[in-house]
Amino acid sequence: MNKRPGTDKRRFTVLVNPKIREEQRRQAALRKFIKDCERLYEKNRAHIQEETGNE
C-alpha cells in the first residue's frame, strides 16, 4: 500500500447545535436588515441633497 503523509481521506461529520445554527441565521438576517437600512438612508440622503441643491 502506498502510504504518504497528508493523503488520509477520512471524512468527519460535524454535529452542529441547532441553537447555534438558529443564532447564525438570526444574525445574518439582522446584518441584511442593517445593510438594507443603510442603503435606504444613503438613497434618501442623496435625494434630499438634490432637492436642497436645486432651490
Protein backbone atom coordinates (compact mmCIF):
# COMPACT_ATOMS: atom_id res chain seq x y z
CA MET A 1 0.00 0.00 0.00
CA ASN A 2 1.32 3.43 -0.94
CA LYS A 3 1.15 5.44 2.28
CA ARG A 4 2.16 9.11 2.11
CA PRO A 5 1.64 11.68 4.85
CA GLY A 6 -1.25 14.05 4.24
CA THR A 7 -3.23 11.72 2.00
CA ASP A 8 -5.62 10.48 4.66
CA LYS A 9 -9.07 10.76 3.04
CA ARG A 10 -11.20 10.13 6.13
CA ARG A 11 -14.26 12.33 6.34
CA PHE A 12 -15.52 13.92 9.51
CA THR A 13 -19.13 14.61 10.31
CA VAL A 14 -19.66 17.86 12.13
CA LEU A 15 -22.57 17.96 14.51
CA VAL A 16 -23.93 21.47 14.86
CA ASN A 17 -26.07 22.51 17.74
CA PRO A 18 -29.46 23.63 16.27
CA LYS A 19 -29.49 26.64 18.59
CA ILE A 20 -26.15 27.81 17.21
CA ARG A 21 -27.41 27.43 13.65
CA GLU A 22 -30.58 29.37 14.53
CA GLU A 23 -28.48 32.14 16.08
CA GLN A 24 -26.32 32.30 12.94
CA ARG A 25 -29.44 32.68 10.79
CA ARG A 26 -30.78 35.39 13.10
CA GLN A 27 -27.50 37.31 12.96
CA ALA A 28 -27.35 37.00 9.16
CA ALA A 29 -30.91 38.34 8.89
CA LEU A 30 -30.02 41.21 11.21
CA ARG A 31 -26.91 42.09 9.17
CA LYS A 32 -29.02 42.06 5.99
CA PHE A 33 -31.64 44.32 7.61
CA ILE A 34 -28.97 46.79 8.74
CA LYS A 35 -27.39 46.82 5.28
CA ASP A 36 -30.82 47.46 3.68
CA CYS A 37 -31.48 50.31 6.13
CA GLU A 38 -28.10 51.89 5.38
CA ARG A 39 -28.78 51.65 1.65
CA LEU A 40 -32.17 53.33 2.08
CA TYR A 41 -30.62 56.04 4.28
CA GLU A 42 -27.99 56.82 1.65
CA LYS A 43 -30.64 56.91 -1.10
CA ASN A 44 -32.83 59.32 0.90
CA ARG A 45 -29.85 61.47 1.86
CA ALA A 46 -28.82 61.81 -1.79
CA HIS A 47 -32.39 62.70 -2.74
CA ILE A 48 -32.59 65.38 -0.02
CA GLN A 49 -29.25 66.85 -1.14
CA GLU A 50 -30.55 67.06 -4.71
CA GLU A 51 -33.66 68.90 -3.54
CA THR A 52 -31.75 71.41 -1.41
CA GLY A 53 -29.19 71.95 -4.16
CA ASN A 54 -31.90 72.82 -6.70
CA GLU A 55 -33.50 75.53 -4.58
